[in-house]
Amino acid sequence: MREQIQTNASGPSMSHRTNKNLEDFRAPTKVKLALLWTSLMFLYIYNDYFSLYTPGTIADMTAGRLGPLGQASASVLVGVSMMLAIPSLMIFLSVSLPPLVSRWLNVVLGVAYTAIEVMTLPNSPLFYRIVVTLEMALTTLVVWYALRWPKADAPRD
């Protein structure tokens, strides 16, 4: 027998009525965008972590090389740090900025990060390409949700 959750004055309660409809929550666009950026950061972390297990990576790190970016100079490290800091900040900024600013910032950065991800595909191991494809799907969804941001309801008199 299926159970249905009903809400009463004291909170949720269980009912033994059959019901195929489950309670749904429509997340606001700001929350969806923040969750997409959060998911993206997890993929970045795990892909970079698993990359440590590819042959030659640790030796390159010990020699001060940062993959295709070459020597790990101060400017390269600052650039890479900023590139990874921006998606982290977008988790908060997507929720806290005014909708119009958040919308266009998400569109611009979503497109930019999709392009960056495309550039990491050539000559990458299969596991890396799979995760980067997921990253591109997330950044594409960032752009899609930002462009489809619902209009605010007209004020009622």
Protein backbone atom coordinates (compact mmCIF):
# COMPACT_ATOMS: atom_id res chain seq x y z
CA MET A 1 0.00 0.00 0.00
CA ARG A 2 1.32 3.46 -0.88
CA GLU A 3 1.35 6.14 1.76
CA GLN A 4 0.62 9.80 1.29
CA ILE A 5 2.12 12.55 3.39
CA GLN A 6 -0.41 15.11 4.50
CA THR A 7 0.35 18.28 6.37
CA ASN A 8 -1.71 19.37 9.35
CA ALA A 9 -1.23 21.94 12.06
CA SER A 10 1.35 19.79 13.85
CA GLY A 11 3.37 19.04 10.69
CA PRO A 12 3.53 16.15 8.22
CA SER A 13 1.48 13.05 8.96
CA MET A 14 1.13 9.73 7.18
CA SER A 15 -2.09 8.67 5.51
CA HIS A 16 -2.79 5.21 4.10
CA ARG A 17 -4.59 6.53 1.03
CA THR A 18 -3.15 5.49 -2.31
CA ASN A 19 -1.63 8.40 -4.21
CA LYS A 20 0.83 8.39 -7.11
CA ASN A 21 1.54 12.12 -6.83
CA LEU A 22 4.51 13.04 -4.68
CA GLU A 23 5.02 16.44 -3.18
CA ASP A 24 7.10 18.61 -5.46
CA PHE A 25 9.24 21.65 -4.85
CA ARG A 26 9.92 24.13 -7.62
CA ALA A 27 13.37 25.50 -6.93
CA PRO A 28 13.83 29.17 -7.81
CA THR A 29 16.20 29.87 -10.71
CA LYS A 30 18.77 31.36 -8.34
CA VAL A 31 18.90 28.11 -6.39
CA LYS A 32 19.11 25.98 -9.54
CA LEU A 33 22.06 28.06 -10.76
CA ALA A 34 23.85 27.81 -7.41
CA LEU A 35 23.34 24.04 -7.40
CA LEU A 36 24.70 23.74 -10.95
CA TRP A 37 27.85 25.69 -10.01
CA THR A 38 28.20 23.52 -6.88
CA SER A 39 27.94 20.33 -8.94
CA LEU A 40 30.48 21.74 -11.38
CA MET A 41 32.96 22.37 -8.57
CA PHE A 42 32.64 18.76 -7.38
CA LEU A 43 33.37 17.52 -10.89
CA TYR A 44 36.40 19.84 -11.12
CA ILE A 45 37.77 18.55 -7.82
CA TYR A 46 37.28 14.88 -8.63
CA ASN A 47 38.61 15.14 -12.17
CA ASP A 48 41.73 16.91 -10.94
CA TYR A 49 42.15 14.37 -8.14
CA PHE A 50 41.82 11.36 -10.43
CA SER A 51 44.23 13.00 -12.87
CA LEU A 52 46.92 12.64 -10.21
CA TYR A 53 46.87 8.90 -10.97
CA THR A 54 47.77 9.29 -14.64
CA PRO A 55 51.37 8.43 -15.47
CA GLY A 56 53.78 11.36 -15.29
CA THR A 57 51.48 13.78 -13.44
CA ILE A 58 53.31 13.64 -10.10
CA ALA A 59 56.68 13.88 -11.84
CA ASP A 60 55.49 16.95 -13.77
CA MET A 61 54.20 18.53 -10.55
CA THR A 62 57.53 17.85 -8.81
CA ALA A 63 59.33 19.46 -11.76
CA GLY A 64 57.07 22.51 -11.49
CA ARG A 65 55.08 21.90 -14.67
CA LEU A 66 51.33 22.45 -14.82
CA GLY A 67 50.27 20.20 -17.69
CA PRO A 68 49.68 22.00 -20.97
CA LEU A 69 50.13 25.38 -19.25
CA GLY A 70 53.86 24.76 -18.87
CA GLN A 71 55.97 26.01 -15.97
CA ALA A 72 53.99 26.69 -12.81
CA SER A 73 55.07 30.34 -12.60
CA ALA A 74 53.46 32.79 -10.22
CA SER A 75 51.33 34.28 -13.00
CA VAL A 76 50.16 30.86 -14.24
CA LEU A 77 49.22 29.84 -10.70
CA VAL A 78 47.34 33.12 -10.13
CA GLY A 79 45.49 32.63 -13.42
CA VAL A 80 44.53 29.05 -12.63
CA SER A 81 43.51 30.06 -9.10
CA MET A 82 41.24 32.79 -10.45
CA MET A 83 39.80 30.42 -13.04
CA LEU A 84 38.80 28.02 -10.26
CA ALA A 85 37.74 30.72 -7.79
CA ILE A 86 35.12 32.17 -10.12
CA PRO A 87 32.85 29.09 -10.22
CA SER A 88 33.20 28.83 -6.43
CA LEU A 89 32.08 32.44 -6.06
CA MET A 90 29.21 31.88 -8.50
CA ILE A 91 27.60 29.51 -6.01
CA PHE A 92 27.03 32.47 -3.70
CA LEU A 93 26.69 35.20 -6.33
CA SER A 94 23.97 33.32 -8.23
CA VAL A 95 21.79 33.54 -5.14
CA SER A 96 22.79 36.94 -3.77
CA LEU A 97 23.04 39.22 -6.81
CA PRO A 98 20.00 41.03 -8.22
CA PRO A 99 18.27 38.79 -10.81
CA LEU A 100 19.24 40.78 -13.90
CA VAL A 101 22.92 40.95 -12.91
CA SER A 102 22.94 37.28 -11.90
CA ARG A 103 21.26 36.28 -15.14
CA TRP A 104 23.83 37.90 -17.42
CA LEU A 105 26.81 36.96 -15.27
CA ASN A 106 25.65 33.33 -15.40
CA VAL A 107 25.20 33.50 -19.18
CA VAL A 108 28.63 35.04 -19.80
CA LEU A 109 30.50 32.78 -17.38
CA GLY A 110 28.55 29.69 -18.42
CA VAL A 111 29.58 30.25 -22.05
CA ALA A 112 33.18 31.08 -21.04
CA TYR A 113 33.57 27.97 -18.90
CA THR A 114 32.02 25.76 -21.56
CA ALA A 115 34.68 27.08 -23.97
CA ILE A 116 37.44 26.45 -21.41
CA GLU A 117 36.18 22.90 -20.91
CA VAL A 118 36.18 22.28 -24.67
CA MET A 119 39.85 23.31 -24.76
CA THR A 120 40.74 20.64 -22.16
CA LEU A 121 39.36 17.75 -24.22
CA PRO A 122 42.14 17.10 -26.79
CA ASN A 123 44.70 14.49 -25.77
CA SER A 124 42.94 13.84 -22.44
CA PRO A 125 42.37 10.36 -20.99
CA LEU A 126 38.92 8.83 -21.45
CA PHE A 127 37.88 9.30 -17.81
CA TYR A 128 38.78 12.99 -18.06
CA ARG A 129 36.79 13.48 -21.28
CA ILE A 130 33.75 11.82 -19.71
CA VAL A 131 33.84 14.15 -16.70
CA VAL A 132 34.53 17.21 -18.88
CA THR A 133 31.49 16.29 -20.98
CA LEU A 134 29.43 16.34 -17.78
CA GLU A 135 30.99 19.69 -16.88
CA MET A 136 30.00 21.07 -20.28
CA ALA A 137 26.46 19.80 -19.76
CA LEU A 138 26.31 21.66 -16.43
CA THR A 139 27.69 24.93 -17.82
CA THR A 140 25.29 24.66 -20.74
CA LEU A 141 22.45 24.21 -18.26
CA VAL A 142 23.69 27.31 -16.40
CA VAL A 143 23.29 29.30 -19.61
CA TRP A 144 19.93 27.68 -20.42
CA TYR A 145 18.40 28.33 -16.98
CA ALA A 146 19.76 31.88 -16.89
CA LEU A 147 18.31 32.68 -20.32
CA ARG A 148 14.95 31.14 -19.38
CA TRP A 149 14.76 33.03 -16.07
CA PRO A 150 11.03 33.55 -15.40
CA LYS A 151 9.71 37.08 -15.39
CA ALA A 152 8.43 38.42 -12.08
CA ASP A 153 4.68 38.52 -11.70
CA ALA A 154 3.15 41.94 -12.29
CA PRO A 155 2.31 43.74 -9.03
CA ARG A 156 -1.37 43.44 -8.10
CA ASP A 157 -3.40 46.41 -7.01
